Amino acid sequence: MEIFNYINGLVDLLKPTKMILMALDGVAPRCKMNNQRSRRYRSAQDYKEFMAKFYGYTETADSQENFKNNSISPGTQFMEQLNAMLHFFVQKKIS
């Protein structure tokens, strides 16, 4: 994944000698999450309508899109997989 290449690039650039501290932002407050979710759904709906109008894409074609912004929300499968992959990446780098 690109995130691991980016982390490796940062480490190569900064050349840390003692420690690397990776801080990830925690879960957003509930009302902010709801607001973001509604914006993303609205954006996804607008995108779907745009693709249907200008390119004639259907629901099936839209579902084959590689990545959707809705995935970057706390508690989603994407975030759970990213968390597991980051743990694995760090353990591999330590050993």
PDB file of N, CA and C in Angstrom:
ATOM      1  N   MET A   1       0.841  -1.183   0.000  1.00  0.00           N
ATOM      2  CA  MET A   1       0.000   0.000   0.000  1.00  0.00           C
ATOM      3  C   MET A   1       0.884   1.244   0.000  1.00  0.00           C
ATOM      4  N   GLU A   2       0.349   2.286  -0.507  1.00  0.00           N
ATOM      5  CA  GLU A   2       1.096   3.539  -0.611  1.00  0.00           C
ATOM      6  C   GLU A   2       1.464   4.125   0.745  1.00  0.00           C
ATOM      7  N   ILE A   3       0.648   3.872   1.749  1.00  0.00           N
ATOM      8  CA  ILE A   3       0.937   4.446   3.067  1.00  0.00           C
ATOM      9  C   ILE A   3       2.261   3.915   3.612  1.00  0.00           C
ATOM     10  N   PHE A   4       2.559   2.641   3.344  1.00  0.00           N
ATOM     11  CA  PHE A   4       3.811   2.062   3.830  1.00  0.00           C
ATOM     12  C   PHE A   4       5.003   2.617   3.052  1.00  0.00           C
ATOM     13  N   ASN A   5       4.828   2.835   1.762  1.00  0.00           N
ATOM     14  CA  ASN A   5       5.881   3.480   0.974  1.00  0.00           C
ATOM     15  C   ASN A   5       6.136   4.896   1.497  1.00  0.00           C
ATOM     16  N   TYR A   6       5.068   5.592   1.850  1.00  0.00           N
ATOM     17  CA  TYR A   6       5.190   6.951   2.371  1.00  0.00           C
ATOM     18  C   TYR A   6       5.932   6.956   3.710  1.00  0.00           C
ATOM     19  N   ILE A   7       5.563   6.022   4.589  1.00  0.00           N
ATOM     20  CA  ILE A   7       6.239   5.930   5.890  1.00  0.00           C
ATOM     21  C   ILE A   7       7.714   5.604   5.688  1.00  0.00           C
ATOM     22  N   ASN A   8       8.010   4.648   4.803  1.00  0.00           N
ATOM     23  CA  ASN A   8       9.403   4.313   4.511  1.00  0.00           C
ATOM     24  C   ASN A   8      10.154   5.520   3.965  1.00  0.00           C
ATOM     25  N   GLY A   9       9.498   6.294   3.093  1.00  0.00           N
ATOM     26  CA  GLY A   9      10.117   7.495   2.539  1.00  0.00           C
ATOM     27  C   GLY A   9      10.430   8.522   3.618  1.00  0.00           C
ATOM     28  N   LEU A  10       9.507   8.691   4.560  1.00  0.00           N
ATOM     29  CA  LEU A  10       9.742   9.618   5.673  1.00  0.00           C
ATOM     30  C   LEU A  10      10.910   9.162   6.538  1.00  0.00           C
ATOM     31  N   VAL A  11      10.960   7.873   6.814  1.00  0.00           N
ATOM     32  CA  VAL A  11      12.051   7.337   7.630  1.00  0.00           C
ATOM     33  C   VAL A  11      13.384   7.520   6.913  1.00  0.00           C
ATOM     34  N   ASP A  12      13.405   7.244   5.609  1.00  0.00           N
ATOM     35  CA  ASP A  12      14.633   7.435   4.828  1.00  0.00           C
ATOM     36  C   ASP A  12      15.057   8.900   4.801  1.00  0.00           C
ATOM     37  N   LEU A  13      14.093   9.784   4.699  1.00  0.00           N
ATOM     38  CA  LEU A  13      14.377  11.218   4.632  1.00  0.00           C
ATOM     39  C   LEU A  13      14.869  11.757   5.971  1.00  0.00           C
ATOM     40  N   LEU A  14      14.195  11.388   7.047  1.00  0.00           N
ATOM     41  CA  LEU A  14      14.503  11.939   8.373  1.00  0.00           C
ATOM     42  C   LEU A  14      15.633  11.216   9.088  1.00  0.00           C
ATOM     43  N   LYS A  15      15.858   9.957   8.741  1.00  0.00           N
ATOM     44  CA  LYS A  15      16.922   9.141   9.353  1.00  0.00           C
ATOM     45  C   LYS A  15      16.922   9.228  10.885  1.00  0.00           C
ATOM     46  N   PRO A  16      15.859   8.752  11.530  1.00  0.00           N
ATOM     47  CA  PRO A  16      15.792   8.811  12.994  1.00  0.00           C
ATOM     48  C   PRO A  16      16.863   7.924  13.626  1.00  0.00           C
ATOM     49  N   THR A  17      17.371   8.341  14.783  1.00  0.00           N
ATOM     50  CA  THR A  17      18.437   7.581  15.445  1.00  0.00           C
ATOM     51  C   THR A  17      17.956   6.830  16.675  1.00  0.00           C
ATOM     52  N   LYS A  18      16.920   7.316  17.340  1.00  0.00           N
ATOM     53  CA  LYS A  18      16.492   6.671  18.578  1.00  0.00           C
ATOM     54  C   LYS A  18      15.078   6.105  18.522  1.00  0.00           C
ATOM     55  N   MET A  19      14.164   6.884  17.974  1.00  0.00           N
ATOM     56  CA  MET A  19      12.773   6.473  18.076  1.00  0.00           C
ATOM     57  C   MET A  19      11.956   7.087  16.944  1.00  0.00           C
ATOM     58  N   ILE A  20      10.918   6.377  16.573  1.00  0.00           N
ATOM     59  CA  ILE A  20       9.922   6.897  15.631  1.00  0.00           C
ATOM     60  C   ILE A  20       8.596   6.889  16.369  1.00  0.00           C
ATOM     61  N   LEU A  21       7.940   8.019  16.398  1.00  0.00           N
ATOM     62  CA  LEU A  21       6.633   8.126  17.031  1.00  0.00           C
ATOM     63  C   LEU A  21       5.605   8.362  15.938  1.00  0.00           C
ATOM     64  N   MET A  22       4.678   7.430  15.817  1.00  0.00           N
ATOM     65  CA  MET A  22       3.630   7.551  14.825  1.00  0.00           C
ATOM     66  C   MET A  22       2.325   7.815  15.563  1.00  0.00           C
ATOM     67  N   ALA A  23       1.761   8.991  15.387  1.00  0.00           N
ATOM     68  CA  ALA A  23       0.519   9.343  16.070  1.00  0.00           C
ATOM     69  C   ALA A  23      -0.600   9.420  15.046  1.00  0.00           C
ATOM     70  N   LEU A  24      -1.662   8.684  15.311  1.00  0.00           N
ATOM     71  CA  LEU A  24      -2.823   8.683  14.433  1.00  0.00           C
ATOM     72  C   LEU A  24      -3.975   9.332  15.172  1.00  0.00           C
ATOM     73  N   ASP A  25      -4.745  10.110  14.451  1.00  0.00           N
ATOM     74  CA  ASP A  25      -5.882  10.791  15.046  1.00  0.00           C
ATOM     75  C   ASP A  25      -6.909   9.767  15.495  1.00  0.00           C
ATOM     76  N   GLY A  26      -7.500   9.995  16.629  1.00  0.00           N
ATOM     77  CA  GLY A  26      -8.488   9.067  17.169  1.00  0.00           C
ATOM     78  C   GLY A  26      -9.857   9.245  16.533  1.00  0.00           C
ATOM     79  N   VAL A  27     -10.794   8.559  17.108  1.00  0.00           N
ATOM     80  CA  VAL A  27     -12.168   8.591  16.619  1.00  0.00           C
ATOM     81  C   VAL A  27     -12.752   9.988  16.787  1.00  0.00           C
ATOM     82  N   ALA A  28     -13.416  10.464  15.765  1.00  0.00           N
ATOM     83  CA  ALA A  28     -14.034  11.791  15.796  1.00  0.00           C
ATOM     84  C   ALA A  28     -15.258  11.780  16.711  1.00  0.00           C
ATOM     85  N   PRO A  29     -15.595  12.930  17.275  1.00  0.00           N
ATOM     86  CA  PRO A  29     -16.827  13.016  18.058  1.00  0.00           C
ATOM     87  C   PRO A  29     -18.044  12.603  17.215  1.00  0.00           C
ATOM     88  N   ARG A  30     -19.020  12.051  17.871  1.00  0.00           N
ATOM     89  CA  ARG A  30     -20.178  11.462  17.189  1.00  0.00           C
ATOM     90  C   ARG A  30     -20.870  12.435  16.232  1.00  0.00           C
ATOM     91  N   CYS A  31     -21.105  13.662  16.650  1.00  0.00           N
ATOM     92  CA  CYS A  31     -21.831  14.601  15.778  1.00  0.00           C
ATOM     93  C   CYS A  31     -20.995  14.929  14.532  1.00  0.00           C
ATOM     94  N   LYS A  32     -19.680  15.014  14.690  1.00  0.00           N
ATOM     95  CA  LYS A  32     -18.824  15.280  13.537  1.00  0.00           C
ATOM     96  C   LYS A  32     -18.859  14.092  12.580  1.00  0.00           C
ATOM     97  N   MET A  33     -18.855  12.870  13.134  1.00  0.00           N
ATOM     98  CA  MET A  33     -18.937  11.687  12.287  1.00  0.00           C
ATOM     99  C   MET A  33     -20.236  11.678  11.497  1.00  0.00           C
ATOM    100  N   ASN A  34     -21.336  12.005  12.155  1.00  0.00           N
ATOM    101  CA  ASN A  34     -22.630  12.033  11.460  1.00  0.00           C
ATOM    102  C   ASN A  34     -22.629  13.065  10.344  1.00  0.00           C
ATOM    103  N   ASN A  35     -22.063  14.245  10.619  1.00  0.00           N
ATOM    104  CA  ASN A  35     -21.986  15.295   9.615  1.00  0.00           C
ATOM    105  C   ASN A  35     -21.143  14.843   8.427  1.00  0.00           C
ATOM    106  N   GLN A  36     -19.978  14.257   8.694  1.00  0.00           N
ATOM    107  CA  GLN A  36     -19.112  13.788   7.619  1.00  0.00           C
ATOM    108  C   GLN A  36     -19.787  12.691   6.807  1.00  0.00           C
ATOM    109  N   ARG A  37     -20.461  11.786   7.492  1.00  0.00           N
ATOM    110  CA  ARG A  37     -21.135  10.690   6.804  1.00  0.00           C
ATOM    111  C   ARG A  37     -22.206  11.224   5.855  1.00  0.00           C
ATOM    112  N   SER A  38     -22.998  12.184   6.320  1.00  0.00           N
ATOM    113  CA  SER A  38     -24.056  12.725   5.453  1.00  0.00           C
ATOM    114  C   SER A  38     -23.458  13.446   4.248  1.00  0.00           C
ATOM    115  N   ARG A  39     -22.347  14.164   4.450  1.00  0.00           N
ATOM    116  CA  ARG A  39     -21.670  14.821   3.320  1.00  0.00           C
ATOM    117  C   ARG A  39     -21.144  13.805   2.322  1.00  0.00           C
ATOM    118  N   ARG A  40     -20.570  12.717   2.830  1.00  0.00           N
ATOM    119  CA  ARG A  40     -20.031  11.693   1.939  1.00  0.00           C
ATOM    120  C   ARG A  40     -21.129  11.006   1.149  1.00  0.00           C
ATOM    121  N   TYR A  41     -22.240  10.688   1.811  1.00  0.00           N
ATOM    122  CA  TYR A  41     -23.350  10.051   1.106  1.00  0.00           C
ATOM    123  C   TYR A  41     -23.910  10.976   0.027  1.00  0.00           C
ATOM    124  N   ARG A  42     -24.022  12.251   0.377  1.00  0.00           N
ATOM    125  CA  ARG A  42     -24.509  13.232  -0.603  1.00  0.00           C
ATOM    126  C   ARG A  42     -23.538  13.320  -1.775  1.00  0.00           C
ATOM    127  N   SER A  43     -22.251  13.343  -1.469  1.00  0.00           N
ATOM    128  CA  SER A  43     -21.223  13.398  -2.504  1.00  0.00           C
ATOM    129  C   SER A  43     -21.264  12.141  -3.370  1.00  0.00           C
ATOM    130  N   ALA A  44     -21.428  10.977  -2.736  1.00  0.00           N
ATOM    131  CA  ALA A  44     -21.497   9.721  -3.488  1.00  0.00           C
ATOM    132  C   ALA A  44     -22.713   9.710  -4.410  1.00  0.00           C
ATOM    133  N   GLN A  45     -23.837  10.217  -3.918  1.00  0.00           N
ATOM    134  CA  GLN A  45     -25.050  10.276  -4.737  1.00  0.00           C
ATOM    135  C   GLN A  45     -24.853  11.224  -5.917  1.00  0.00           C
ATOM    136  N   ASP A  46     -24.253  12.385  -5.670  1.00  0.00           N
ATOM    137  CA  ASP A  46     -23.978  13.327  -6.753  1.00  0.00           C
ATOM    138  C   ASP A  46     -23.045  12.716  -7.785  1.00  0.00           C
ATOM    139  N   TYR A  47     -22.026  11.978  -7.322  1.00  0.00           N
ATOM    140  CA  TYR A  47     -21.070  11.324  -8.224  1.00  0.00           C
ATOM    141  C   TYR A  47     -21.787  10.282  -9.077  1.00  0.00           C
ATOM    142  N   LYS A  48     -22.659   9.495  -8.445  1.00  0.00           N
ATOM    143  CA  LYS A  48     -23.394   8.462  -9.153  1.00  0.00           C
ATOM    144  C   LYS A  48     -24.273   9.084 -10.237  1.00  0.00           C
ATOM    145  N   GLU A  49     -24.960  10.185  -9.902  1.00  0.00           N
ATOM    146  CA  GLU A  49     -25.808  10.862 -10.876  1.00  0.00           C
ATOM    147  C   GLU A  49     -24.981  11.451 -12.014  1.00  0.00           C
ATOM    148  N   PHE A  50     -23.817  12.017 -11.694  1.00  0.00           N
ATOM    149  CA  PHE A  50     -22.917  12.571 -12.709  1.00  0.00           C
ATOM    150  C   PHE A  50     -22.468  11.482 -13.679  1.00  0.00           C
ATOM    151  N   MET A  51     -22.029  10.337 -13.135  1.00  0.00           N
ATOM    152  CA  MET A  51     -21.544   9.250 -13.984  1.00  0.00           C
ATOM    153  C   MET A  51     -22.675   8.700 -14.857  1.00  0.00           C
ATOM    154  N   ALA A  52     -23.872   8.600 -14.309  1.00  0.00           N
ATOM    155  CA  ALA A  52     -25.004   8.092 -15.079  1.00  0.00           C
ATOM    156  C   ALA A  52     -25.379   9.060 -16.200  1.00  0.00           C
ATOM    157  N   LYS A  53     -25.351  10.353 -15.896  1.00  0.00           N
ATOM    158  CA  LYS A  53     -25.760  11.359 -16.879  1.00  0.00           C
ATOM    159  C   LYS A  53     -24.745  11.497 -18.012  1.00  0.00           C
ATOM    160  N   PHE A  54     -23.461  11.568 -17.669  1.00  0.00           N
ATOM    161  CA  PHE A  54     -22.459  11.858 -18.685  1.00  0.00           C
ATOM    162  C   PHE A  54     -21.815  10.631 -19.307  1.00  0.00           C
ATOM    163  N   TYR A  55     -21.784   9.529 -18.582  1.00  0.00           N
ATOM    164  CA  TYR A  55     -21.099   8.344 -19.110  1.00  0.00           C
ATOM    165  C   TYR A  55     -22.003   7.131 -19.231  1.00  0.00           C
ATOM    166  N   GLY A  56     -23.222   7.233 -18.756  1.00  0.00           N
ATOM    167  CA  GLY A  56     -24.160   6.128 -18.853  1.00  0.00           C
ATOM    168  C   GLY A  56     -23.825   4.964 -17.936  1.00  0.00           C
ATOM    169  N   TYR A  57     -23.063   5.208 -16.859  1.00  0.00           N
ATOM    170  CA  TYR A  57     -22.709   4.137 -15.930  1.00  0.00           C
ATOM    171  C   TYR A  57     -23.933   3.714 -15.147  1.00  0.00           C
ATOM    172  N   THR A  58     -23.959   2.453 -14.791  1.00  0.00           N
ATOM    173  CA  THR A  58     -25.064   1.904 -14.009  1.00  0.00           C
ATOM    174  C   THR A  58     -24.580   1.637 -12.585  1.00  0.00           C
ATOM    175  N   GLU A  59     -25.481   1.120 -11.759  1.00  0.00           N
ATOM    176  CA  GLU A  59     -25.121   0.744 -10.383  1.00  0.00           C
ATOM    177  C   GLU A  59     -23.974  -0.257 -10.381  1.00  0.00           C
ATOM    178  N   THR A  60     -24.020  -1.219 -11.299  1.00  0.00           N
ATOM    179  CA  THR A  60     -22.994  -2.255 -11.349  1.00  0.00           C
ATOM    180  C   THR A  60     -21.628  -1.658 -11.640  1.00  0.00           C
ATOM    181  N   ALA A  61     -21.566  -0.764 -12.603  1.00  0.00           N
ATOM    182  CA  ALA A  61     -20.292  -0.141 -12.955  1.00  0.00           C
ATOM    183  C   ALA A  61     -19.775   0.699 -11.797  1.00  0.00           C
ATOM    184  N   ASP A  62     -20.680   1.412 -11.122  1.00  0.00           N
ATOM    185  CA  ASP A  62     -20.263   2.258 -10.008  1.00  0.00           C
ATOM    186  C   ASP A  62     -19.723   1.427  -8.854  1.00  0.00           C
ATOM    187  N   SER A  63     -20.282   0.238  -8.645  1.00  0.00           N
ATOM    188  CA  SER A  63     -19.816  -0.590  -7.533  1.00  0.00           C
ATOM    189  C   SER A  63     -18.424  -1.157  -7.785  1.00  0.00           C
ATOM    190  N   GLN A  64     -17.947  -1.085  -9.021  1.00  0.00           N
ATOM    191  CA  GLN A  64     -16.618  -1.586  -9.352  1.00  0.00           C
ATOM    192  C   GLN A  64     -15.546  -0.528  -9.158  1.00  0.00           C
ATOM    193  N   GLU A  65     -15.926   0.640  -8.706  1.00  0.00           N
ATOM    194  CA  GLU A  65     -14.956   1.700  -8.417  1.00  0.00           C
ATOM    195  C   GLU A  65     -13.972   1.197  -7.372  1.00  0.00           C
ATOM    196  N   ASN A  66     -12.680   1.527  -7.530  1.00  0.00           N
ATOM    197  CA  ASN A  66     -11.642   0.980  -6.669  1.00  0.00           C
ATOM    198  C   ASN A  66     -11.760   1.417  -5.215  1.00  0.00           C
ATOM    199  N   PHE A  67     -12.070   2.663  -4.965  1.00  0.00           N
ATOM    200  CA  PHE A  67     -12.053   3.169  -3.598  1.00  0.00           C
ATOM    201  C   PHE A  67     -13.078   4.270  -3.454  1.00  0.00           C
ATOM    202  N   LYS A  68     -13.742   4.285  -2.315  1.00  0.00           N
ATOM    203  CA  LYS A  68     -14.729   5.322  -2.037  1.00  0.00           C
ATOM    204  C   LYS A  68     -14.360   6.008  -0.733  1.00  0.00           C
ATOM    205  N   ASN A  69     -14.592   7.318  -0.671  1.00  0.00           N
ATOM    206  CA  ASN A  69     -14.257   8.088   0.522  1.00  0.00           C
ATOM    207  C   ASN A  69     -15.027   7.625   1.748  1.00  0.00           C
ATOM    208  N   ASN A  70     -16.176   6.980   1.547  1.00  0.00           N
ATOM    209  CA  ASN A  70     -16.947   6.484   2.692  1.00  0.00           C
ATOM    210  C   ASN A  70     -16.156   5.460   3.493  1.00  0.00           C
ATOM    211  N   SER A  71     -15.143   4.868   2.895  1.00  0.00           N
ATOM    212  CA  SER A  71     -14.351   3.851   3.581  1.00  0.00           C
ATOM    213  C   SER A  71     -13.500   4.443   4.687  1.00  0.00           C
ATOM    214  N   ILE A  72     -13.168   5.723   4.577  1.00  0.00           N
ATOM    215  CA  ILE A  72     -12.281   6.345   5.562  1.00  0.00           C
ATOM    216  C   ILE A  72     -13.126   6.928   6.688  1.00  0.00           C
ATOM    217  N   SER A  73     -13.712   6.059   7.463  1.00  0.00           N
ATOM    218  CA  SER A  73     -14.501   6.439   8.630  1.00  0.00           C
ATOM    219  C   SER A  73     -14.187   5.445   9.731  1.00  0.00           C
ATOM    220  N   PRO A  74     -14.215   5.885  10.973  1.00  0.00           N
ATOM    221  CA  PRO A  74     -13.952   4.963  12.081  1.00  0.00           C
ATOM    222  C   PRO A  74     -14.933   3.793  12.074  1.00  0.00           C
ATOM    223  N   GLY A  75     -14.416   2.612  12.349  1.00  0.00           N
ATOM    224  CA  GLY A  75     -15.262   1.429  12.451  1.00  0.00           C
ATOM    225  C   GLY A  75     -15.532   0.719  11.142  1.00  0.00           C
ATOM    226  N   THR A  76     -15.015   1.231  10.031  1.00  0.00           N
ATOM    227  CA  THR A  76     -15.247   0.564   8.752  1.00  0.00           C
ATOM    228  C   THR A  76     -14.243  -0.564   8.569  1.00  0.00           C
ATOM    229  N   GLN A  77     -14.548  -1.462   7.660  1.00  0.00           N
ATOM    230  CA  GLN A  77     -13.655  -2.581   7.376  1.00  0.00           C
ATOM    231  C   GLN A  77     -12.294  -2.069   6.902  1.00  0.00           C
ATOM    232  N   PHE A  78     -12.293  -1.020   6.088  1.00  0.00           N
ATOM    233  CA  PHE A  78     -11.040  -0.448   5.602  1.00  0.00           C
ATOM    234  C   PHE A  78     -10.148  -0.022   6.763  1.00  0.00           C
ATOM    235  N   MET A  79     -10.724   0.694   7.732  1.00  0.00           N
ATOM    236  CA  MET A  79      -9.930   1.190   8.860  1.00  0.00           C
ATOM    237  C   MET A  79      -9.437   0.044   9.749  1.00  0.00           C
ATOM    238  N   GLU A  80     -10.249  -0.984   9.905  1.00  0.00           N
ATOM    239  CA  GLU A  80      -9.818  -2.147  10.688  1.00  0.00           C
ATOM    240  C   GLU A  80      -8.654  -2.850  10.001  1.00  0.00           C
ATOM    241  N   GLN A  81      -8.742  -3.001   8.674  1.00  0.00           N
ATOM    242  CA  GLN A  81      -7.656  -3.629   7.926  1.00  0.00           C
ATOM    243  C   GLN A  81      -6.396  -2.767   7.957  1.00  0.00           C
ATOM    244  N   LEU A  82      -6.564  -1.459   7.834  1.00  0.00           N
ATOM    245  CA  LEU A  82      -5.417  -0.557   7.894  1.00  0.00           C
ATOM    246  C   LEU A  82      -4.724  -0.658   9.248  1.00  0.00           C
ATOM    247  N   ASN A  83      -5.496  -0.708  10.314  1.00  0.00           N
ATOM    248  CA  ASN A  83      -4.940  -0.845  11.652  1.00  0.00           C
ATOM    249  C   ASN A  83      -4.125  -2.135  11.771  1.00  0.00           C
ATOM    250  N   ALA A  84      -4.692  -3.243  11.319  1.00  0.00           N
ATOM    251  CA  ALA A  84      -3.991  -4.524  11.386  1.00  0.00           C
ATOM    252  C   ALA A  84      -2.715  -4.491  10.542  1.00  0.00           C
ATOM    253  N   MET A  85      -2.790  -3.883   9.367  1.00  0.00           N
ATOM    254  CA  MET A  85      -1.625  -3.820   8.485  1.00  0.00           C
ATOM    255  C   MET A  85      -0.533  -2.921   9.069  1.00  0.00           C
ATOM    256  N   LEU A  86      -0.919  -1.838   9.726  1.00  0.00           N
ATOM    257  CA  LEU A  86       0.066  -0.971  10.366  1.00  0.00           C
ATOM    258  C   LEU A  86       0.773  -1.702  11.514  1.00  0.00           C
ATOM    259  N   HIS A  87       0.016  -2.465  12.293  1.00  0.00           N
ATOM    260  CA  HIS A  87       0.636  -3.255  13.369  1.00  0.00           C
ATOM    261  C   HIS A  87       1.644  -4.237  12.782  1.00  0.00           C
ATOM    262  N   PHE A  88       1.255  -4.943  11.723  1.00  0.00           N
ATOM    263  CA  PHE A  88       2.144  -5.905  11.079  1.00  0.00           C
ATOM    264  C   PHE A  88       3.385  -5.207  10.528  1.00  0.00           C
ATOM    265  N   PHE A  89       3.184  -4.070   9.872  1.00  0.00           N
ATOM    266  CA  PHE A  89       4.285  -3.295   9.269  1.00  0.00           C
ATOM    267  C   PHE A  89       5.291  -2.890  10.340  1.00  0.00           C
ATOM    268  N   VAL A  90       4.806  -2.369  11.458  1.00  0.00           N
ATOM    269  CA  VAL A  90       5.683  -1.924  12.535  1.00  0.00           C
ATOM    270  C   VAL A  90       6.433  -3.115  13.132  1.00  0.00           C
ATOM    271  N   GLN A  91       5.753  -4.222  13.381  1.00  0.00           N
ATOM    272  CA  GLN A  91       6.416  -5.403  13.943  1.00  0.00           C
ATOM    273  C   GLN A  91       7.495  -5.933  12.999  1.00  0.00           C
ATOM    274  N   LYS A  92       7.220  -5.902  11.708  1.00  0.00           N
ATOM    275  CA  LYS A  92       8.205  -6.370  10.726  1.00  0.00           C
ATOM    276  C   LYS A  92       9.417  -5.442  10.721  1.00  0.00           C
ATOM    277  N   LYS A  93       9.194  -4.141  10.816  1.00  0.00           N
ATOM    278  CA  LYS A  93      10.306  -3.185  10.833  1.00  0.00           C
ATOM    279  C   LYS A  93      11.140  -3.323  12.099  1.00  0.00           C
ATOM    280  N   ILE A  94      10.502  -3.629  13.212  1.00  0.00           N
ATOM    281  CA  ILE A  94      11.227  -3.771  14.474  1.00  0.00           C
ATOM    282  C   ILE A  94      12.132  -5.005  14.438  1.00  0.00           C
ATOM    283  N   SER A  95      11.645  -6.082  13.854  1.00  0.00           N
ATOM    284  CA  SER A  95      12.442  -7.330  13.843  1.00  0.00           C
ATOM    285  C   SER A  95      13.495  -7.367  12.771  1.00  0.00           C
TER     286      SER A  95
END
